[in-house]
Amino acid sequence: MVAHAGVRVFDSTVTLIRRLSAVGIRTAVFSASRHCADVLAAAGVTDLFTVRVDGLDAEKLGLPGKPDPSMLLEATRRLGAEPDRTVVVEDAEAGVAAGRSGGFALVIGVDRHASAGRLLAHGADFVISDLVEVELRGGFRRMSELPDAMDRWSRIVDLLGAEKPAVLLDFDGTVADIVADPATAQPIDGVAEVLTELSGRCPVAVISGRDLTDLRERLGVDGIWYAGSHGFELMDRI
């Protein structure tokens, strides 16, 4: 039936997904329908998404439907991502509520019927009428393409106009990856050695909302400053 009747496709949505894919951002589609694959095929977008989680997966894995976030979390897991680094786009109240309760970084509601309040009331961060309104910023260089700061240290000092600059770093999201469970956060491989080398050239401080003991035990680098509880707890270089 679907194959013969066809499926309405929002070109702006397809365009956005392809643009995300082009810059290396993975996407997933989720649906409670057991016929999701047939619908995508009828729409001609079978290969549009990196991951698909549908009604067949829900039956196999015992995933409850919206507003429970289980299907969204399964899609995120298959993407190899974390909810707090993932955006949910939904046009239904239950889907918006699932995104909010699942701890996702951003929940975008799509309402094409001028009734945005219903989605905002269920937890959407903001509501748009069409995904053409979502802008994708490009032109940024990848971190791997940036020059090594250590190799250009003298130039950095010149630009700062000081003989001995200081380097201030956050912990979560800078020294360590952001993870779903903050208690499991660990410094990125090699970062301790880099901080040790850097501390021999200038003062280095790691500042965090974590308490001082937790911060110092997780990082464990001597010769740097630690600032816990957003600066209320300070420890000089040891």
C-alpha atoms as a PDB file:
ATOM      1  CA  MET A   1       0.000   0.000   0.000  1.00  0.00           C
ATOM      2  CA  VAL A   2       2.693   2.486   0.993  1.00  0.00           C
ATOM      3  CA  ALA A   3       4.765   1.729  -2.092  1.00  0.00           C
ATOM      4  CA  HIS A   4       1.814   2.397  -4.373  1.00  0.00           C
ATOM      5  CA  ALA A   5       0.420   5.414  -2.553  1.00  0.00           C
ATOM      6  CA  GLY A   6       3.771   7.089  -2.042  1.00  0.00           C
ATOM      7  CA  VAL A   7       4.983   9.087   0.942  1.00  0.00           C
ATOM      8  CA  ARG A   8       5.093  12.839   1.386  1.00  0.00           C
ATOM      9  CA  VAL A   9       8.653  14.017   1.892  1.00  0.00           C
ATOM     10  CA  PHE A  10       9.672  17.354   3.372  1.00  0.00           C
ATOM     11  CA  ASP A  11      12.517  18.465   1.139  1.00  0.00           C
ATOM     12  CA  SER A  12      13.908  20.797   3.809  1.00  0.00           C
ATOM     13  CA  THR A  13      14.324  17.847   6.171  1.00  0.00           C
ATOM     14  CA  VAL A  14      16.113  15.734   3.584  1.00  0.00           C
ATOM     15  CA  THR A  15      18.376  18.658   2.708  1.00  0.00           C
ATOM     16  CA  LEU A  16      19.324  19.226   6.355  1.00  0.00           C
ATOM     17  CA  ILE A  17      20.089  15.537   6.969  1.00  0.00           C
ATOM     18  CA  ARG A  18      22.295  15.374   3.873  1.00  0.00           C
ATOM     19  CA  ARG A  19      24.148  18.506   4.962  1.00  0.00           C
ATOM     20  CA  LEU A  20      24.717  17.021   8.412  1.00  0.00           C
ATOM     21  CA  SER A  21      26.018  13.825   6.850  1.00  0.00           C
ATOM     22  CA  ALA A  22      28.361  15.796   4.595  1.00  0.00           C
ATOM     23  CA  VAL A  23      30.114  17.333   7.604  1.00  0.00           C
ATOM     24  CA  GLY A  24      30.361  14.054   9.484  1.00  0.00           C
ATOM     25  CA  ILE A  25      27.387  14.390  11.845  1.00  0.00           C
ATOM     26  CA  ARG A  26      25.558  11.082  12.221  1.00  0.00           C
ATOM     27  CA  THR A  27      21.772  10.950  12.277  1.00  0.00           C
ATOM     28  CA  ALA A  28      19.123   8.447  13.315  1.00  0.00           C
ATOM     29  CA  VAL A  29      15.442   7.959  12.584  1.00  0.00           C
ATOM     30  CA  PHE A  30      13.139   6.339  15.120  1.00  0.00           C
ATOM     31  CA  SER A  31       9.557   5.196  14.760  1.00  0.00           C
ATOM     32  CA  ALA A  32       7.151   2.946  16.613  1.00  0.00           C
ATOM     33  CA  SER A  33       5.945   1.630  13.249  1.00  0.00           C
ATOM     34  CA  ARG A  34       6.921  -1.892  12.213  1.00  0.00           C
ATOM     35  CA  HIS A  35       6.844  -0.624   8.614  1.00  0.00           C
ATOM     36  CA  CYS A  36       9.401   2.167   8.993  1.00  0.00           C
ATOM     37  CA  ALA A  37      11.779   0.597   6.455  1.00  0.00           C
ATOM     38  CA  ASP A  38       8.935   0.350   3.889  1.00  0.00           C
ATOM     39  CA  VAL A  39       8.014   3.989   4.435  1.00  0.00           C
ATOM     40  CA  LEU A  40      11.621   5.135   3.954  1.00  0.00           C
ATOM     41  CA  ALA A  41      11.903   3.030   0.791  1.00  0.00           C
ATOM     42  CA  ALA A  42       8.674   4.465  -0.608  1.00  0.00           C
ATOM     43  CA  ALA A  43       9.973   7.950   0.114  1.00  0.00           C
ATOM     44  CA  GLY A  44      13.275   7.166  -1.629  1.00  0.00           C
ATOM     45  CA  VAL A  45      15.382   7.912   1.427  1.00  0.00           C
ATOM     46  CA  THR A  46      16.395   4.443   2.605  1.00  0.00           C
ATOM     47  CA  ASP A  47      20.048   5.419   2.947  1.00  0.00           C
ATOM     48  CA  LEU A  48      19.435   8.874   4.377  1.00  0.00           C
ATOM     49  CA  PHE A  49      20.016   8.028   8.049  1.00  0.00           C
ATOM     50  CA  THR A  50      23.006   6.384   9.724  1.00  0.00           C
ATOM     51  CA  VAL A  51      20.781   4.431  12.119  1.00  0.00           C
ATOM     52  CA  ARG A  52      17.146   3.285  12.191  1.00  0.00           C
ATOM     53  CA  VAL A  53      15.242   2.115  15.274  1.00  0.00           C
ATOM     54  CA  ASP A  54      11.665   1.050  14.571  1.00  0.00           C
ATOM     55  CA  GLY A  55       8.772  -1.028  15.826  1.00  0.00           C
ATOM     56  CA  LEU A  56      10.507  -4.271  14.930  1.00  0.00           C
ATOM     57  CA  ASP A  57      13.464  -3.301  17.115  1.00  0.00           C
ATOM     58  CA  ALA A  58      11.098  -2.288  19.895  1.00  0.00           C
ATOM     59  CA  GLU A  59       9.418  -5.705  19.821  1.00  0.00           C
ATOM     60  CA  LYS A  60      12.733  -7.564  19.732  1.00  0.00           C
ATOM     61  CA  LEU A  61      14.345  -5.549  22.531  1.00  0.00           C
ATOM     62  CA  GLY A  62      11.243  -4.914  24.595  1.00  0.00           C
ATOM     63  CA  LEU A  63      11.470  -1.143  24.241  1.00  0.00           C
ATOM     64  CA  PRO A  64       8.426   0.794  25.457  1.00  0.00           C
ATOM     65  CA  GLY A  65       7.056   3.529  23.203  1.00  0.00           C
ATOM     66  CA  LYS A  66       6.964   7.281  23.676  1.00  0.00           C
ATOM     67  CA  PRO A  67       6.903   9.190  25.979  1.00  0.00           C
ATOM     68  CA  ASP A  68       9.378   6.664  27.393  1.00  0.00           C
ATOM     69  CA  PRO A  69      12.824   7.613  25.990  1.00  0.00           C
ATOM     70  CA  SER A  70      13.987   4.006  25.448  1.00  0.00           C
ATOM     71  CA  MET A  71      13.821   4.074  21.641  1.00  0.00           C
ATOM     72  CA  LEU A  72      15.642   7.398  21.519  1.00  0.00           C
ATOM     73  CA  LEU A  73      18.320   6.115  23.858  1.00  0.00           C
ATOM     74  CA  GLU A  74      18.753   2.966  21.764  1.00  0.00           C
ATOM     75  CA  ALA A  75      19.183   5.073  18.620  1.00  0.00           C
ATOM     76  CA  THR A  76      21.774   7.196  20.423  1.00  0.00           C
ATOM     77  CA  ARG A  77      23.620   4.097  21.586  1.00  0.00           C
ATOM     78  CA  ARG A  78      23.784   2.780  18.019  1.00  0.00           C
ATOM     79  CA  LEU A  79      25.162   6.110  16.865  1.00  0.00           C
ATOM     80  CA  GLY A  80      27.945   5.754  19.431  1.00  0.00           C
ATOM     81  CA  ALA A  81      26.867   9.038  21.006  1.00  0.00           C
ATOM     82  CA  GLU A  82      25.692  10.276  24.401  1.00  0.00           C
ATOM     83  CA  PRO A  83      22.270  11.847  25.034  1.00  0.00           C
ATOM     84  CA  ASP A  84      23.790  15.039  26.413  1.00  0.00           C
ATOM     85  CA  ARG A  85      25.627  15.463  23.101  1.00  0.00           C
ATOM     86  CA  THR A  86      22.620  14.659  20.916  1.00  0.00           C
ATOM     87  CA  VAL A  87      19.731  16.708  19.499  1.00  0.00           C
ATOM     88  CA  VAL A  88      16.171  15.372  19.243  1.00  0.00           C
ATOM     89  CA  VAL A  89      13.778  16.685  16.573  1.00  0.00           C
ATOM     90  CA  GLU A  90      10.107  15.812  17.087  1.00  0.00           C
ATOM     91  CA  ASP A  91       6.635  16.950  16.003  1.00  0.00           C
ATOM     92  CA  ALA A  92       4.622  15.050  18.618  1.00  0.00           C
ATOM     93  CA  GLU A  93       4.050  15.850  22.277  1.00  0.00           C
ATOM     94  CA  ALA A  94       5.047  12.336  23.358  1.00  0.00           C
ATOM     95  CA  GLY A  95       8.274  12.483  21.351  1.00  0.00           C
ATOM     96  CA  VAL A  96       9.212  15.860  22.793  1.00  0.00           C
ATOM     97  CA  ALA A  97       8.521  14.537  26.295  1.00  0.00           C
ATOM     98  CA  ALA A  98      10.719  11.505  25.562  1.00  0.00           C
ATOM     99  CA  GLY A  99      13.569  13.755  24.486  1.00  0.00           C
ATOM    100  CA  ARG A 100      13.257  15.854  27.606  1.00  0.00           C
ATOM    101  CA  SER A 101      13.073  12.920  30.030  1.00  0.00           C
ATOM    102  CA  GLY A 102      15.964  11.167  28.242  1.00  0.00           C
ATOM    103  CA  GLY A 103      18.368  13.957  29.131  1.00  0.00           C
ATOM    104  CA  PHE A 104      19.109  15.038  25.562  1.00  0.00           C
ATOM    105  CA  ALA A 105      21.127  18.184  24.953  1.00  0.00           C
ATOM    106  CA  LEU A 106      18.477  19.925  22.868  1.00  0.00           C
ATOM    107  CA  VAL A 107      14.887  19.130  21.934  1.00  0.00           C
ATOM    108  CA  ILE A 108      13.595  20.890  18.820  1.00  0.00           C
ATOM    109  CA  GLY A 109       9.862  20.816  18.246  1.00  0.00           C
ATOM    110  CA  VAL A 110       8.511  21.034  14.704  1.00  0.00           C
ATOM    111  CA  ASP A 111       4.965  22.367  14.435  1.00  0.00           C
ATOM    112  CA  ARG A 112       3.573  23.140  11.014  1.00  0.00           C
ATOM    113  CA  HIS A 113       0.134  24.115  12.345  1.00  0.00           C
ATOM    114  CA  ALA A 114       0.846  27.309  14.333  1.00  0.00           C
ATOM    115  CA  SER A 115       0.316  25.679  17.736  1.00  0.00           C
ATOM    116  CA  ALA A 116       3.822  25.742  19.155  1.00  0.00           C
ATOM    117  CA  GLY A 117       2.571  25.969  22.721  1.00  0.00           C
ATOM    118  CA  ARG A 118       1.670  22.280  22.849  1.00  0.00           C
ATOM    119  CA  LEU A 119       5.272  21.226  22.214  1.00  0.00           C
ATOM    120  CA  LEU A 120       6.787  23.854  24.483  1.00  0.00           C
ATOM    121  CA  ALA A 121       4.511  22.643  27.264  1.00  0.00           C
ATOM    122  CA  HIS A 122       5.885  19.119  26.890  1.00  0.00           C
ATOM    123  CA  GLY A 123       9.542  20.159  27.105  1.00  0.00           C
ATOM    124  CA  ALA A 124      10.718  21.450  23.710  1.00  0.00           C
ATOM    125  CA  ASP A 125      13.568  23.935  24.040  1.00  0.00           C
ATOM    126  CA  PHE A 126      12.117  25.841  21.108  1.00  0.00           C
ATOM    127  CA  VAL A 127       9.678  25.227  18.272  1.00  0.00           C
ATOM    128  CA  ILE A 128      10.027  25.912  14.557  1.00  0.00           C
ATOM    129  CA  SER A 129       7.575  25.513  11.683  1.00  0.00           C
ATOM    130  CA  ASP A 130      10.003  23.762   9.349  1.00  0.00           C
ATOM    131  CA  LEU A 131      13.566  22.432   9.448  1.00  0.00           C
ATOM    132  CA  VAL A 132      14.548  24.994   6.831  1.00  0.00           C
ATOM    133  CA  GLU A 133      14.885  27.278   9.860  1.00  0.00           C
ATOM    134  CA  VAL A 134      17.779  25.213  11.242  1.00  0.00           C
ATOM    135  CA  GLU A 135      21.095  26.714  10.192  1.00  0.00           C
ATOM    136  CA  LEU A 136      24.229  24.611   9.978  1.00  0.00           C
ATOM    137  CA  ARG A 137      27.389  26.576  10.480  1.00  0.00           C
ATOM    138  CA  GLY A 138      30.312  25.410   8.427  1.00  0.00           C
ATOM    139  CA  GLY A 139      33.824  26.427   7.568  1.00  0.00           C
ATOM    140  CA  PHE A 140      35.339  25.459  10.894  1.00  0.00           C
ATOM    141  CA  ARG A 141      38.623  23.599  10.886  1.00  0.00           C
ATOM    142  CA  ARG A 142      38.791  20.219  12.555  1.00  0.00           C
ATOM    143  CA  MET A 143      40.866  20.012  15.730  1.00  0.00           C
ATOM    144  CA  SER A 144      43.175  17.546  13.984  1.00  0.00           C
ATOM    145  CA  GLU A 145      43.943  20.209  11.386  1.00  0.00           C
ATOM    146  CA  LEU A 146      44.939  22.886  13.881  1.00  0.00           C
ATOM    147  CA  PRO A 147      48.634  23.495  14.520  1.00  0.00           C
ATOM    148  CA  ASP A 148      50.222  22.150  17.692  1.00  0.00           C
ATOM    149  CA  ALA A 149      50.307  24.957  20.263  1.00  0.00           C
ATOM    150  CA  MET A 150      53.563  23.645  21.724  1.00  0.00           C
ATOM    151  CA  ASP A 151      55.296  24.038  18.364  1.00  0.00           C
ATOM    152  CA  ARG A 152      54.218  27.673  18.200  1.00  0.00           C
ATOM    153  CA  TRP A 153      54.659  28.640  21.826  1.00  0.00           C
ATOM    154  CA  SER A 154      56.896  31.631  21.160  1.00  0.00           C
ATOM    155  CA  ARG A 155      54.373  32.982  18.680  1.00  0.00           C
ATOM    156  CA  ILE A 156      51.557  32.586  21.223  1.00  0.00           C
ATOM    157  CA  VAL A 157      53.573  34.508  23.806  1.00  0.00           C
ATOM    158  CA  ASP A 158      54.188  37.292  21.278  1.00  0.00           C
ATOM    159  CA  LEU A 159      50.490  37.545  20.457  1.00  0.00           C
ATOM    160  CA  LEU A 160      49.546  37.717  24.110  1.00  0.00           C
ATOM    161  CA  GLY A 161      52.046  40.467  24.708  1.00  0.00           C
ATOM    162  CA  ALA A 162      53.342  38.853  27.877  1.00  0.00           C
ATOM    163  CA  GLU A 163      56.483  36.999  28.753  1.00  0.00           C
ATOM    164  CA  LYS A 164      54.646  34.411  30.834  1.00  0.00           C
ATOM    165  CA  PRO A 165      50.983  33.759  29.952  1.00  0.00           C
ATOM    166  CA  ALA A 166      48.722  31.449  31.948  1.00  0.00           C
ATOM    167  CA  VAL A 167      46.528  28.654  30.634  1.00  0.00           C
ATOM    168  CA  LEU A 168      43.115  28.048  32.239  1.00  0.00           C
ATOM    169  CA  LEU A 169      41.187  24.899  31.364  1.00  0.00           C
ATOM    170  CA  ASP A 170      37.832  23.387  32.241  1.00  0.00           C
ATOM    171  CA  PHE A 171      37.722  19.705  33.216  1.00  0.00           C
ATOM    172  CA  ASP A 172      34.506  18.252  31.763  1.00  0.00           C
ATOM    173  CA  GLY A 173      34.439  18.739  28.024  1.00  0.00           C
ATOM    174  CA  THR A 174      38.049  19.972  27.833  1.00  0.00           C
ATOM    175  CA  VAL A 175      40.430  17.831  29.861  1.00  0.00           C
ATOM    176  CA  ALA A 176      37.910  14.972  29.895  1.00  0.00           C
ATOM    177  CA  ASP A 177      35.116  13.984  27.523  1.00  0.00           C
ATOM    178  CA  ILE A 178      31.586  14.789  28.629  1.00  0.00           C
ATOM    179  CA  VAL A 179      29.882  11.520  29.580  1.00  0.00           C
ATOM    180  CA  ALA A 180      26.346  10.599  30.619  1.00  0.00           C
ATOM    181  CA  ASP A 181      27.479   9.666  34.144  1.00  0.00           C
ATOM    182  CA  PRO A 182      29.810  12.386  35.535  1.00  0.00           C
ATOM    183  CA  ALA A 183      31.159   9.892  38.077  1.00  0.00           C
ATOM    184  CA  THR A 184      32.834   7.934  35.253  1.00  0.00           C
ATOM    185  CA  ALA A 185      34.650  10.892  33.651  1.00  0.00           C
ATOM    186  CA  GLN A 186      38.381  10.382  33.145  1.00  0.00           C
ATOM    187  CA  PRO A 187      41.089  12.581  31.597  1.00  0.00           C
ATOM    188  CA  ILE A 188      41.652  12.080  27.885  1.00  0.00           C
ATOM    189  CA  ASP A 189      44.605   9.818  27.087  1.00  0.00           C
ATOM    190  CA  GLY A 190      47.827  11.807  27.061  1.00  0.00           C
ATOM    191  CA  VAL A 191      46.393  14.971  28.572  1.00  0.00           C
ATOM    192  CA  ALA A 192      48.283  14.543  31.871  1.00  0.00           C
ATOM    193  CA  GLU A 193      51.602  14.489  30.044  1.00  0.00           C
ATOM    194  CA  VAL A 194      50.646  17.584  28.033  1.00  0.00           C
ATOM    195  CA  LEU A 195      49.652  19.495  31.165  1.00  0.00           C
ATOM    196  CA  THR A 196      52.874  18.507  32.886  1.00  0.00           C
ATOM    197  CA  GLU A 197      54.928  19.782  29.956  1.00  0.00           C
ATOM    198  CA  LEU A 198      52.845  22.945  29.701  1.00  0.00           C
ATOM    199  CA  SER A 199      53.215  23.675  33.427  1.00  0.00           C
ATOM    200  CA  GLY A 200      56.974  23.858  32.898  1.00  0.00           C
ATOM    201  CA  ARG A 201      56.443  26.816  30.582  1.00  0.00           C
ATOM    202  CA  CYS A 202      53.673  28.784  32.294  1.00  0.00           C
ATOM    203  CA  PRO A 203      51.115  28.592  35.115  1.00  0.00           C
ATOM    204  CA  VAL A 204      48.355  26.100  34.360  1.00  0.00           C
ATOM    205  CA  ALA A 205      45.021  25.867  36.168  1.00  0.00           C
ATOM    206  CA  VAL A 206      42.105  23.471  35.807  1.00  0.00           C
ATOM    207  CA  ILE A 207      38.811  25.007  36.918  1.00  0.00           C
ATOM    208  CA  SER A 208      35.664  22.973  37.487  1.00  0.00           C
ATOM    209  CA  GLY A 209      32.290  22.884  39.151  1.00  0.00           C
ATOM    210  CA  ARG A 210      33.413  19.619  40.752  1.00  0.00           C
ATOM    211  CA  ASP A 211      34.614  19.800  44.321  1.00  0.00           C
ATOM    212  CA  LEU A 212      38.350  20.170  44.783  1.00  0.00           C
ATOM    213  CA  THR A 213      39.025  16.666  46.084  1.00  0.00           C
ATOM    214  CA  ASP A 214      37.144  15.024  43.228  1.00  0.00           C
ATOM    215  CA  LEU A 215      38.884  17.202  40.637  1.00  0.00           C
ATOM    216  CA  ARG A 216      42.390  16.573  41.969  1.00  0.00           C
ATOM    217  CA  GLU A 217      41.879  12.829  42.349  1.00  0.00           C
ATOM    218  CA  ARG A 218      40.563  12.485  38.785  1.00  0.00           C
ATOM    219  CA  LEU A 219      43.358  14.473  37.172  1.00  0.00           C
ATOM    220  CA  GLY A 220      46.288  13.795  39.479  1.00  0.00           C
ATOM    221  CA  VAL A 221      48.772  16.111  37.761  1.00  0.00           C
ATOM    222  CA  ASP A 222      51.391  17.773  39.961  1.00  0.00           C
ATOM    223  CA  GLY A 223      52.677  21.263  39.317  1.00  0.00           C
ATOM    224  CA  ILE A 224      49.370  22.879  38.319  1.00  0.00           C
ATOM    225  CA  TRP A 225      46.646  24.883  40.051  1.00  0.00           C
ATOM    226  CA  TYR A 226      43.276  23.334  40.861  1.00  0.00           C
ATOM    227  CA  ALA A 227      40.079  25.366  41.296  1.00  0.00           C
ATOM    228  CA  GLY A 228      37.073  23.381  42.474  1.00  0.00           C
ATOM    229  CA  SER A 229      33.451  24.411  43.034  1.00  0.00           C
ATOM    230  CA  HIS A 230      33.761  27.076  40.324  1.00  0.00           C
ATOM    231  CA  GLY A 231      36.709  28.703  42.090  1.00  0.00           C
ATOM    232  CA  PHE A 232      35.496  28.621  45.706  1.00  0.00           C
ATOM    233  CA  GLU A 233      38.092  25.937  46.495  1.00  0.00           C
ATOM    234  CA  LEU A 234      41.653  26.653  45.404  1.00  0.00           C
ATOM    235  CA  MET A 235      44.842  24.626  45.579  1.00  0.00           C
ATOM    236  CA  ASP A 236      48.239  26.058  44.685  1.00  0.00           C
ATOM    237  CA  ARG A 237      50.728  24.100  42.610  1.00  0.00           C
ATOM    238  CA  ILE A 238      52.052  21.044  44.415  1.00  0.00           C
END
